[in-house]
Amino acid sequence: MVPLIELRGAIPAGVGMGLDLVPVYVVAIIGNMLPVPFIYLFARKVLIWGSDKKYIGKWFTWMLGKGESAGKRIQGKRGVGVYLGLLLFVGIPLPGTGAWTGTLAASILDLDFKKSTIATMGGVLLAGVIMGLVSAGVFGAISLF
């Protein structure tokens, strides 16, 4: 559930500690998806709340405006491709491309909650498979020595 690390760190850590891959995968997926609805539902509200504050107001207002205009432009041009892009963004196991970042972007861009959550879940599953294969291969190879 920790941002930046998410399941990209949980799966290799669990497999590296000798735990079975399938339970590690399931727990990592659940842990990675738990904060998604909260991030989606509250990120925008925090930006709206802070938009009239003295020190952060200009930046929050700018973020909201950019997000709304970009969201409309992207959805108008790409349609369903936006959600495929979100799935791939979340699914590529690199730092900063996980469920937290993808959901935050979906919230700021005002994308559909249900479609965004499904795309994020697909991305988390994809990242989990990739990390599971990498972890099993790396730690399997290490155990041969």
C-alpha atoms as a PDB file:
ATOM      1  CA  MET A   1       0.000   0.000   0.000  1.00  0.00           C
ATOM      2  CA  VAL A   2       3.021   2.295   0.241  1.00  0.00           C
ATOM      3  CA  PRO A   3       3.236   4.795  -2.626  1.00  0.00           C
ATOM      4  CA  LEU A   4       6.079   4.338  -5.118  1.00  0.00           C
ATOM      5  CA  ILE A   5       6.806   0.814  -3.879  1.00  0.00           C
ATOM      6  CA  GLU A   6       3.351  -0.764  -4.059  1.00  0.00           C
ATOM      7  CA  LEU A   7       3.367  -4.360  -5.297  1.00  0.00           C
ATOM      8  CA  ARG A   8       6.560  -3.708  -7.245  1.00  0.00           C
ATOM      9  CA  GLY A   9       8.379  -4.091  -3.945  1.00  0.00           C
ATOM     10  CA  ALA A  10       5.944  -6.367  -2.114  1.00  0.00           C
ATOM     11  CA  ILE A  11       6.100  -9.288  -4.531  1.00  0.00           C
ATOM     12  CA  PRO A  12       9.910  -9.480  -4.776  1.00  0.00           C
ATOM     13  CA  ALA A  13      10.183  -9.016  -0.999  1.00  0.00           C
ATOM     14  CA  GLY A  14       7.697 -11.799  -0.290  1.00  0.00           C
ATOM     15  CA  VAL A  15       9.209 -14.205  -2.801  1.00  0.00           C
ATOM     16  CA  GLY A  16      12.687 -13.290  -1.561  1.00  0.00           C
ATOM     17  CA  MET A  17      11.642 -14.227   1.980  1.00  0.00           C
ATOM     18  CA  GLY A  18      10.640 -17.675   0.739  1.00  0.00           C
ATOM     19  CA  LEU A  19       6.870 -17.162   0.739  1.00  0.00           C
ATOM     20  CA  ASP A  20       4.729 -18.836  -1.920  1.00  0.00           C
ATOM     21  CA  LEU A  21       4.138 -16.659  -4.993  1.00  0.00           C
ATOM     22  CA  VAL A  22       0.346 -17.051  -5.236  1.00  0.00           C
ATOM     23  CA  PRO A  23      -0.523 -15.846  -1.695  1.00  0.00           C
ATOM     24  CA  VAL A  24       2.040 -13.048  -2.023  1.00  0.00           C
ATOM     25  CA  TYR A  25       0.462 -12.028  -5.351  1.00  0.00           C
ATOM     26  CA  VAL A  26      -3.087 -12.029  -3.946  1.00  0.00           C
ATOM     27  CA  VAL A  27      -2.170 -10.030  -0.828  1.00  0.00           C
ATOM     28  CA  ALA A  28      -0.112  -7.558  -2.888  1.00  0.00           C
ATOM     29  CA  ILE A  29      -3.025  -7.002  -5.305  1.00  0.00           C
ATOM     30  CA  ILE A  30      -5.481  -6.438  -2.467  1.00  0.00           C
ATOM     31  CA  GLY A  31      -3.097  -4.110  -0.656  1.00  0.00           C
ATOM     32  CA  ASN A  32      -2.383  -2.175  -3.828  1.00  0.00           C
ATOM     33  CA  MET A  33      -6.074  -1.712  -4.669  1.00  0.00           C
ATOM     34  CA  LEU A  34      -7.314  -0.735  -1.175  1.00  0.00           C
ATOM     35  CA  PRO A  35      -6.385   2.963  -1.420  1.00  0.00           C
ATOM     36  CA  VAL A  36      -7.599   3.386  -5.030  1.00  0.00           C
ATOM     37  CA  PRO A  37     -11.224   4.417  -4.302  1.00  0.00           C
ATOM     38  CA  PHE A  38     -10.113   6.786  -1.554  1.00  0.00           C
ATOM     39  CA  ILE A  39      -7.525   8.441  -3.780  1.00  0.00           C
ATOM     40  CA  TYR A  40     -10.019   8.803  -6.621  1.00  0.00           C
ATOM     41  CA  LEU A  41     -12.848  10.125  -4.473  1.00  0.00           C
ATOM     42  CA  PHE A  42     -10.835  12.523  -2.314  1.00  0.00           C
ATOM     43  CA  ALA A  43      -7.975  13.857  -4.488  1.00  0.00           C
ATOM     44  CA  ARG A  44     -10.282  16.217  -6.371  1.00  0.00           C
ATOM     45  CA  LYS A  45     -12.039  17.265  -3.186  1.00  0.00           C
ATOM     46  CA  VAL A  46      -8.690  18.173  -1.609  1.00  0.00           C
ATOM     47  CA  LEU A  47      -7.786  20.260  -4.666  1.00  0.00           C
ATOM     48  CA  ILE A  48     -11.161  21.998  -4.588  1.00  0.00           C
ATOM     49  CA  TRP A  49     -10.826  22.576  -0.835  1.00  0.00           C
ATOM     50  CA  GLY A  50      -7.360  24.058  -1.219  1.00  0.00           C
ATOM     51  CA  SER A  51      -8.133  26.199  -4.255  1.00  0.00           C
ATOM     52  CA  ASP A  52      -9.190  29.164  -2.114  1.00  0.00           C
ATOM     53  CA  LYS A  53      -6.370  28.903   0.447  1.00  0.00           C
ATOM     54  CA  LYS A  54      -3.792  31.658   0.693  1.00  0.00           C
ATOM     55  CA  TYR A  55      -0.551  29.792  -0.018  1.00  0.00           C
ATOM     56  CA  ILE A  56      -1.674  26.781  -2.014  1.00  0.00           C
ATOM     57  CA  GLY A  57      -4.746  28.188  -3.760  1.00  0.00           C
ATOM     58  CA  LYS A  58      -3.120  29.256  -7.015  1.00  0.00           C
ATOM     59  CA  TRP A  59      -1.367  25.951  -7.511  1.00  0.00           C
ATOM     60  CA  PHE A  60      -4.477  23.893  -6.619  1.00  0.00           C
ATOM     61  CA  THR A  61      -6.628  25.991  -8.954  1.00  0.00           C
ATOM     62  CA  TRP A  62      -4.057  25.569 -11.722  1.00  0.00           C
ATOM     63  CA  MET A  63      -4.009  21.765 -11.162  1.00  0.00           C
ATOM     64  CA  LEU A  64      -7.802  21.582 -11.330  1.00  0.00           C
ATOM     65  CA  GLY A  65      -7.957  23.685 -14.493  1.00  0.00           C
ATOM     66  CA  LYS A  66      -5.213  21.704 -16.228  1.00  0.00           C
ATOM     67  CA  GLY A  67      -6.776  18.428 -15.202  1.00  0.00           C
ATOM     68  CA  GLU A  68     -10.239  19.325 -16.382  1.00  0.00           C
ATOM     69  CA  SER A  69      -9.096  20.715 -19.733  1.00  0.00           C
ATOM     70  CA  ALA A  70      -6.739  17.797 -20.361  1.00  0.00           C
ATOM     71  CA  GLY A  71      -9.403  15.285 -19.349  1.00  0.00           C
ATOM     72  CA  LYS A  72     -11.941  16.722 -21.784  1.00  0.00           C
ATOM     73  CA  ARG A  73      -9.379  16.912 -24.570  1.00  0.00           C
ATOM     74  CA  ILE A  74      -8.132  13.354 -24.002  1.00  0.00           C
ATOM     75  CA  GLN A  75     -11.591  11.820 -23.704  1.00  0.00           C
ATOM     76  CA  GLY A  76     -12.825  13.679 -26.763  1.00  0.00           C
ATOM     77  CA  LYS A  77      -9.958  12.458 -28.917  1.00  0.00           C
ATOM     78  CA  ARG A  78      -9.314   9.012 -27.562  1.00  0.00           C
ATOM     79  CA  GLY A  79     -12.499   7.672 -25.949  1.00  0.00           C
ATOM     80  CA  VAL A  80     -11.895   4.149 -24.611  1.00  0.00           C
ATOM     81  CA  GLY A  81      -8.180   4.433 -25.435  1.00  0.00           C
ATOM     82  CA  VAL A  82      -7.760   6.611 -22.353  1.00  0.00           C
ATOM     83  CA  TYR A  83      -8.587   3.670 -20.129  1.00  0.00           C
ATOM     84  CA  LEU A  84      -6.296   1.332 -22.059  1.00  0.00           C
ATOM     85  CA  GLY A  85      -3.550   3.922 -21.624  1.00  0.00           C
ATOM     86  CA  LEU A  86      -4.310   4.075 -17.899  1.00  0.00           C
ATOM     87  CA  LEU A  87      -4.139   0.279 -17.673  1.00  0.00           C
ATOM     88  CA  LEU A  88      -0.758   0.225 -19.415  1.00  0.00           C
ATOM     89  CA  PHE A  89       0.551   3.146 -17.357  1.00  0.00           C
ATOM     90  CA  VAL A  90      -0.326   1.379 -14.115  1.00  0.00           C
ATOM     91  CA  GLY A  91       0.762  -2.027 -15.459  1.00  0.00           C
ATOM     92  CA  ILE A  92       4.305  -1.071 -16.385  1.00  0.00           C
ATOM     93  CA  PRO A  93       6.259  -1.839 -13.203  1.00  0.00           C
ATOM     94  CA  LEU A  94       8.419   1.264 -13.000  1.00  0.00           C
ATOM     95  CA  PRO A  95       8.676   3.671 -10.061  1.00  0.00           C
ATOM     96  CA  GLY A  96       5.980   6.332 -10.227  1.00  0.00           C
ATOM     97  CA  THR A  97       3.678   4.461 -12.618  1.00  0.00           C
ATOM     98  CA  GLY A  98       1.520   2.539 -10.162  1.00  0.00           C
ATOM     99  CA  ALA A  99      -2.048   2.541  -8.928  1.00  0.00           C
ATOM    100  CA  TRP A 100      -1.567   5.621  -6.742  1.00  0.00           C
ATOM    101  CA  THR A 101      -0.290   7.785  -9.583  1.00  0.00           C
ATOM    102  CA  GLY A 102      -2.743   6.406 -12.137  1.00  0.00           C
ATOM    103  CA  THR A 103      -5.715   6.905  -9.847  1.00  0.00           C
ATOM    104  CA  LEU A 104      -4.584  10.405  -8.930  1.00  0.00           C
ATOM    105  CA  ALA A 105      -4.351  11.259 -12.639  1.00  0.00           C
ATOM    106  CA  ALA A 106      -7.788   9.735 -13.300  1.00  0.00           C
ATOM    107  CA  SER A 107      -9.270  11.797 -10.479  1.00  0.00           C
ATOM    108  CA  ILE A 108      -7.681  15.055 -11.596  1.00  0.00           C
ATOM    109  CA  LEU A 109      -8.640  14.362 -15.221  1.00  0.00           C
ATOM    110  CA  ASP A 110     -12.201  13.662 -13.995  1.00  0.00           C
ATOM    111  CA  LEU A 111     -12.346  10.273 -15.722  1.00  0.00           C
ATOM    112  CA  ASP A 112     -15.197   7.881 -15.013  1.00  0.00           C
ATOM    113  CA  PHE A 113     -14.792   6.226 -11.595  1.00  0.00           C
ATOM    114  CA  LYS A 114     -15.877   2.726 -12.583  1.00  0.00           C
ATOM    115  CA  LYS A 115     -13.876   2.609 -15.826  1.00  0.00           C
ATOM    116  CA  SER A 116     -10.825   4.099 -14.121  1.00  0.00           C
ATOM    117  CA  THR A 117     -10.991   1.594 -11.283  1.00  0.00           C
ATOM    118  CA  ILE A 118     -11.319  -1.311 -13.720  1.00  0.00           C
ATOM    119  CA  ALA A 119      -8.383  -0.008 -15.786  1.00  0.00           C
ATOM    120  CA  THR A 120      -6.318   0.469 -12.629  1.00  0.00           C
ATOM    121  CA  MET A 121      -7.182  -3.055 -11.453  1.00  0.00           C
ATOM    122  CA  GLY A 122      -6.137  -4.443 -14.825  1.00  0.00           C
ATOM    123  CA  GLY A 123      -2.876  -2.534 -14.596  1.00  0.00           C
ATOM    124  CA  VAL A 124      -2.222  -3.762 -11.065  1.00  0.00           C
ATOM    125  CA  LEU A 125      -2.882  -7.356 -12.174  1.00  0.00           C
ATOM    126  CA  LEU A 126      -0.522  -6.908 -15.138  1.00  0.00           C
ATOM    127  CA  ALA A 127       2.217  -5.379 -12.963  1.00  0.00           C
ATOM    128  CA  GLY A 128       1.737  -8.216 -10.476  1.00  0.00           C
ATOM    129  CA  VAL A 129       2.163 -10.854 -13.169  1.00  0.00           C
ATOM    130  CA  ILE A 130       5.285  -9.137 -14.491  1.00  0.00           C
ATOM    131  CA  MET A 131       6.787  -8.772 -11.015  1.00  0.00           C
ATOM    132  CA  GLY A 132       5.819 -12.338 -10.116  1.00  0.00           C
ATOM    133  CA  LEU A 133       7.539 -13.721 -13.201  1.00  0.00           C
ATOM    134  CA  VAL A 134      10.613 -11.580 -12.617  1.00  0.00           C
ATOM    135  CA  SER A 135      10.753 -12.471  -8.914  1.00  0.00           C
ATOM    136  CA  ALA A 136      10.288 -16.189  -9.511  1.00  0.00           C
ATOM    137  CA  GLY A 137      12.956 -16.116 -12.208  1.00  0.00           C
ATOM    138  CA  VAL A 138      15.473 -14.056 -10.272  1.00  0.00           C
ATOM    139  CA  PHE A 139      15.059 -15.815  -6.943  1.00  0.00           C
ATOM    140  CA  GLY A 140      14.739 -19.198  -8.651  1.00  0.00           C
ATOM    141  CA  ALA A 141      18.029 -18.597 -10.421  1.00  0.00           C
ATOM    142  CA  ILE A 142      19.695 -17.440  -7.183  1.00  0.00           C
ATOM    143  CA  SER A 143      18.567 -20.577  -5.374  1.00  0.00           C
ATOM    144  CA  LEU A 144      20.407 -22.713  -7.960  1.00  0.00           C
ATOM    145  CA  PHE A 145      23.755 -21.400  -6.721  1.00  0.00           C
END
